[in-house]
Amino acid sequence: MLDNIRIILINTFHPGNIGSAARAMKTMGLSDLCLVTPKTFPAPEAEAMAAGALDVLASARVFASLDHAIADCSLVIGTSARTRSHSFSRPLLSAEKSAAQLLSQAQQSPVAMVFGQETMGLTNSELEKCHFHTCIDANPEYPVLNVASAIQILCYEVFKASRQKVHPNPEQEYPLNQELEQFYQHLEATLMDIDFIVRQHPGLVMTRLRRLFNRARPEAKELNMLRGILGAAQRATKEAPDKDKI
């Protein structure tokens, strides 16, 4: 299960934090490190901070976008200490519950925990790609942790949970992120076809619908059914008589 748990760092500014992340992961039995558009990598500073985790660092994969990094994941949890507006908020899990969710889903497919850039954290658009949001309990007057420290704490929660004897399998199969993204593209196209949203001004409709479906977490069979409904709606729209010609 630990092999299926992916740690993703986005736009990391200091290469030393990448090395520290590799070290934090190895101490907790994790090895799948993915980097999205790091400023500098590879770098001597990363190797220096990795210490005995050079193998994790050497096997790190670099991606051009978060979408590519999570394409084959069925569960994505974003980490952030910042409070979000209602439009961009996601269901919040404690660090312990996040670890349990990751381990349960990792029995079927890869899963990911995502960390944003050091100074900004995850952007709202990046958080939209996540099913859940987690944060670490800390001093409310100063709850911000260095990214490497946050990775260490959350990886520890995963390792601690992995040592428990019972890890229930998910009752149903969930779609991979790339399949969910294809659904969102299909949904947006259908809503444009039926004039529910205007192509030039989609507004917050898709943002809110993404939030709705991410919260609902449709199973793979349910997603296929939804795609079938969208396809039928598109066909019906194309087959409908043009009212202007009647």
Protein backbone atom coordinates (compact mmCIF):
# COMPACT_ATOMS: atom_id res chain seq x y z
CA MET A 1 0.00 0.00 0.00
CA LEU A 2 2.80 2.43 0.81
CA ASP A 3 4.21 1.92 -2.69
CA ASN A 4 0.95 3.27 -4.12
CA ILE A 5 1.03 6.49 -2.09
CA ARG A 6 2.46 9.42 -4.03
CA ILE A 7 3.83 12.66 -2.61
CA ILE A 8 3.55 15.55 -5.07
CA LEU A 9 5.33 18.89 -4.71
CA ILE A 10 4.23 21.78 -6.93
CA ASN A 11 6.48 24.65 -8.06
CA THR A 12 9.03 24.03 -5.31
CA PHE A 13 11.27 27.08 -5.06
CA HIS A 14 14.07 25.82 -2.79
CA PRO A 15 15.69 22.58 -4.03
CA GLY A 16 16.71 21.82 -0.44
CA ASN A 17 13.03 21.26 0.35
CA ILE A 18 12.89 18.56 -2.32
CA GLY A 19 15.79 16.74 -0.66
CA SER A 20 14.19 17.16 2.77
CA ALA A 21 10.92 15.76 1.39
CA ALA A 22 12.74 12.68 0.07
CA ARG A 23 14.32 12.13 3.47
CA ALA A 24 11.00 12.58 5.28
CA MET A 25 9.37 10.08 2.95
CA LYS A 26 12.04 7.41 3.28
CA THR A 27 11.94 7.49 7.09
CA MET A 28 8.24 6.63 6.83
CA GLY A 29 8.48 3.96 4.14
CA LEU A 30 7.31 6.04 1.18
CA SER A 31 9.23 6.26 -2.08
CA ASP A 32 7.05 7.76 -4.85
CA LEU A 33 8.10 11.42 -5.09
CA CYS A 34 6.70 13.50 -7.94
CA LEU A 35 7.62 17.10 -8.77
CA VAL A 36 5.49 19.48 -10.81
CA THR A 37 7.50 22.25 -12.48
CA PRO A 38 10.20 22.61 -9.77
CA LYS A 39 12.31 25.75 -10.18
CA THR A 40 15.62 23.83 -10.00
CA PHE A 41 16.00 20.06 -10.18
CA PRO A 42 18.25 18.16 -9.97
CA ALA A 43 20.38 20.33 -7.70
CA PRO A 44 23.28 19.85 -5.24
CA GLU A 45 21.17 21.41 -2.47
CA ALA A 46 18.54 18.70 -2.90
CA GLU A 47 21.14 15.94 -2.70
CA ALA A 48 22.70 17.49 0.40
CA MET A 49 19.38 17.63 2.25
CA ALA A 50 18.30 14.15 1.15
CA ALA A 51 21.14 12.54 3.16
CA GLY A 52 20.42 8.79 3.15
CA ALA A 53 17.41 9.11 0.85
CA LEU A 54 19.28 9.67 -2.39
CA ASP A 55 17.49 6.65 -3.90
CA VAL A 56 14.11 8.34 -3.40
CA LEU A 57 15.51 11.54 -4.89
CA ALA A 58 17.03 9.74 -7.87
CA SER A 59 13.74 8.04 -8.72
CA ALA A 60 11.68 11.27 -8.43
CA ARG A 61 9.60 12.01 -11.52
CA VAL A 62 9.10 15.49 -12.94
CA PHE A 63 5.78 16.50 -14.55
CA ALA A 64 4.72 19.51 -16.58
CA SER A 65 1.37 19.83 -14.78
CA LEU A 66 -0.58 18.56 -11.79
CA ASP A 67 -3.04 16.90 -14.18
CA HIS A 68 -0.27 14.68 -15.55
CA ALA A 69 1.04 13.86 -12.07
CA ILE A 70 -2.36 12.63 -10.80
CA ALA A 71 -3.79 11.18 -14.01
CA ASP A 72 -3.67 7.58 -12.75
CA CYS A 73 -4.74 8.38 -9.17
CA SER A 74 -8.19 7.53 -7.82
CA LEU A 75 -7.84 9.73 -4.71
CA VAL A 76 -6.10 13.10 -4.37
CA ILE A 77 -5.79 14.98 -1.08
CA GLY A 78 -4.59 18.58 -1.05
CA THR A 79 -2.77 20.10 1.90
CA SER A 80 -3.11 23.70 3.01
CA ALA A 81 -3.16 25.80 6.15
CA ARG A 82 -5.15 28.59 4.47
CA THR A 83 -8.89 28.98 4.89
CA ARG A 84 -10.75 28.92 1.58
CA SER A 85 -13.87 30.68 0.43
CA HIS A 86 -17.04 28.59 0.23
CA SER A 87 -16.72 28.39 -3.56
CA PHE A 88 -13.32 26.70 -3.40
CA SER A 89 -13.50 24.76 -0.15
CA ARG A 90 -13.29 20.98 -0.15
CA PRO A 91 -14.38 18.44 2.47
CA LEU A 92 -11.83 18.72 5.25
CA LEU A 93 -10.18 15.63 6.73
CA SER A 94 -7.93 15.46 9.76
CA ALA A 95 -4.38 14.21 9.22
CA GLU A 96 -5.36 10.86 10.75
CA LYS A 97 -8.43 10.42 8.54
CA SER A 98 -6.47 11.46 5.47
CA ALA A 99 -3.96 8.70 6.16
CA ALA A 100 -6.73 6.14 6.59
CA GLN A 101 -8.41 7.19 3.32
CA LEU A 102 -5.14 7.03 1.40
CA LEU A 103 -4.26 3.58 2.71
CA SER A 104 -7.70 2.19 2.00
CA GLN A 105 -7.80 3.45 -1.59
CA ALA A 106 -4.13 2.56 -2.22
CA GLN A 107 -5.12 -1.10 -2.13
CA GLN A 108 -6.75 -0.61 -5.55
CA SER A 109 -4.79 2.12 -7.34
CA PRO A 110 -2.27 4.96 -6.86
CA VAL A 111 -3.29 7.85 -4.60
CA ALA A 112 -1.66 11.21 -3.96
CA MET A 113 -1.05 13.84 -1.32
CA VAL A 114 -0.31 17.25 -2.86
CA PHE A 115 1.79 20.09 -1.42
CA GLY A 116 1.88 23.57 -2.94
CA GLN A 117 4.63 26.12 -3.45
CA GLU A 118 6.43 27.22 -0.27
CA THR A 119 5.14 30.79 -0.05
CA MET A 120 1.65 30.36 -1.51
CA GLY A 121 0.57 26.78 -0.90
CA LEU A 122 -1.99 25.31 -3.26
CA THR A 123 -3.84 27.66 -5.58
CA ASN A 124 -7.61 27.43 -5.89
CA SER A 125 -7.30 25.86 -9.35
CA GLU A 126 -4.95 23.21 -7.94
CA LEU A 127 -7.28 22.54 -5.03
CA GLU A 128 -10.09 21.95 -7.54
CA LYS A 129 -8.23 18.83 -8.64
CA CYS A 130 -8.39 17.35 -5.11
CA HIS A 131 -11.15 15.24 -3.61
CA PHE A 132 -10.35 16.30 -0.05
CA HIS A 133 -8.41 18.95 1.82
CA THR A 134 -6.32 18.28 4.92
CA CYS A 135 -4.40 20.45 7.33
CA ILE A 136 -2.27 19.84 10.41
CA ASP A 137 -3.53 20.97 13.81
CA ALA A 138 -1.22 23.73 15.04
CA ASN A 139 -1.06 26.96 16.99
CA PRO A 140 -3.98 29.03 15.59
CA GLU A 141 -1.90 32.19 15.92
CA TYR A 142 0.77 30.72 13.61
CA PRO A 143 -0.31 27.46 11.97
CA VAL A 144 2.06 27.61 8.98
CA LEU A 145 4.65 24.83 8.70
CA ASN A 146 7.67 24.53 6.45
CA VAL A 147 6.69 22.24 3.58
CA ALA A 148 9.27 19.60 4.55
CA SER A 149 7.95 19.59 8.13
CA ALA A 150 4.39 19.20 6.88
CA ILE A 151 5.44 16.29 4.67
CA GLN A 152 7.19 14.63 7.61
CA ILE A 153 4.12 14.89 9.86
CA LEU A 154 1.64 13.65 7.26
CA CYS A 155 3.92 10.83 6.13
CA TYR A 156 4.22 9.79 9.77
CA GLU A 157 0.42 9.60 10.00
CA VAL A 158 0.39 7.37 6.91
CA PHE A 159 3.14 5.14 8.32
CA LYS A 160 1.43 4.91 11.71
CA ALA A 161 -1.88 3.97 10.08
CA SER A 162 -0.14 1.38 7.87
CA ARG A 163 0.95 -0.53 10.96
CA GLN A 164 -2.64 -1.18 11.98
CA LYS A 165 -3.82 -4.68 11.16
CA VAL A 166 -7.17 -3.79 9.62
CA HIS A 167 -7.40 -1.79 6.39
CA PRO A 168 -10.85 -2.28 4.88
CA ASN A 169 -10.92 -2.49 1.10
CA PRO A 170 -13.03 0.11 -0.67
CA GLU A 171 -16.43 -1.41 -1.36
CA GLN A 172 -16.53 0.06 -4.87
CA GLU A 173 -14.08 0.99 -7.60
CA TYR A 174 -13.49 4.70 -8.08
CA PRO A 175 -12.52 6.38 -11.37
CA LEU A 176 -8.99 7.60 -11.99
CA ASN A 177 -8.39 11.33 -12.09
CA GLN A 178 -7.97 11.38 -15.88
CA GLU A 179 -11.39 9.74 -16.22
CA LEU A 180 -12.89 12.33 -13.90
CA GLU A 181 -11.30 15.14 -15.94
CA GLN A 182 -12.77 13.66 -19.13
CA PHE A 183 -16.19 13.67 -17.43
CA TYR A 184 -15.81 17.36 -16.49
CA GLN A 185 -14.90 18.23 -20.08
CA HIS A 186 -17.91 16.26 -21.31
CA LEU A 187 -20.17 17.95 -18.74
CA GLU A 188 -19.01 21.45 -19.72
CA ALA A 189 -19.47 20.70 -23.43
CA THR A 190 -22.99 19.37 -22.81
CA LEU A 191 -23.99 22.38 -20.70
CA MET A 192 -22.83 24.62 -23.54
CA ASP A 193 -24.76 22.55 -26.10
CA ILE A 194 -28.00 23.03 -24.15
CA ASP A 195 -27.22 26.72 -23.50
CA PHE A 196 -27.06 26.28 -19.75
CA ILE A 197 -23.74 28.08 -19.68
CA VAL A 198 -22.32 30.54 -22.21
CA ARG A 199 -19.06 29.49 -23.83
CA GLN A 200 -17.51 32.96 -23.43
CA HIS A 201 -18.68 33.42 -19.83
CA PRO A 202 -18.82 30.09 -17.94
CA GLY A 203 -18.58 31.88 -14.59
CA LEU A 204 -18.46 29.75 -11.45
CA VAL A 205 -20.79 27.04 -12.74
CA MET A 206 -18.10 24.50 -13.52
CA THR A 207 -16.18 25.37 -10.34
CA ARG A 208 -19.26 24.63 -8.25
CA LEU A 209 -20.09 21.48 -10.21
CA ARG A 210 -16.52 20.20 -9.78
CA ARG A 211 -16.87 20.79 -6.07
CA LEU A 212 -20.20 18.94 -6.04
CA PHE A 213 -18.93 15.85 -7.84
CA ASN A 214 -15.60 15.77 -5.98
CA ARG A 215 -17.54 15.83 -2.74
CA ALA A 216 -19.93 13.12 -3.96
CA ARG A 217 -17.05 10.95 -5.29
CA PRO A 218 -19.04 9.01 -7.91
CA GLU A 219 -17.96 5.41 -8.32
CA ALA A 220 -16.62 4.19 -11.68
CA LYS A 221 -19.97 2.66 -12.69
CA GLU A 222 -21.84 5.80 -11.63
CA LEU A 223 -19.47 7.97 -13.66
CA ASN A 224 -20.05 5.79 -16.72
CA MET A 225 -23.80 6.23 -16.24
CA LEU A 226 -23.40 10.01 -15.98
CA ARG A 227 -21.33 10.02 -19.19
CA GLY A 228 -24.14 8.06 -20.86
CA ILE A 229 -26.71 10.64 -19.74
CA LEU A 230 -24.56 13.47 -21.10
CA GLY A 231 -24.14 11.68 -24.41
CA ALA A 232 -27.90 11.16 -24.71
CA ALA A 233 -28.53 14.83 -23.92
CA GLN A 234 -26.08 15.88 -26.64
CA ARG A 235 -27.70 13.59 -29.20
CA ALA A 236 -31.14 14.86 -28.31
CA THR A 237 -29.97 18.44 -28.75
CA LYS A 238 -28.53 17.72 -32.20
CA GLU A 239 -31.68 15.84 -33.28
CA ALA A 240 -34.12 18.50 -32.02
CA PRO A 241 -35.80 20.56 -34.76
CA ASP A 242 -34.50 24.09 -35.28
CA LYS A 243 -37.27 26.30 -33.86
CA ASP A 244 -36.20 29.21 -36.05
CA LYS A 245 -36.98 27.11 -39.14
CA ILE A 246 -40.48 26.01 -38.00
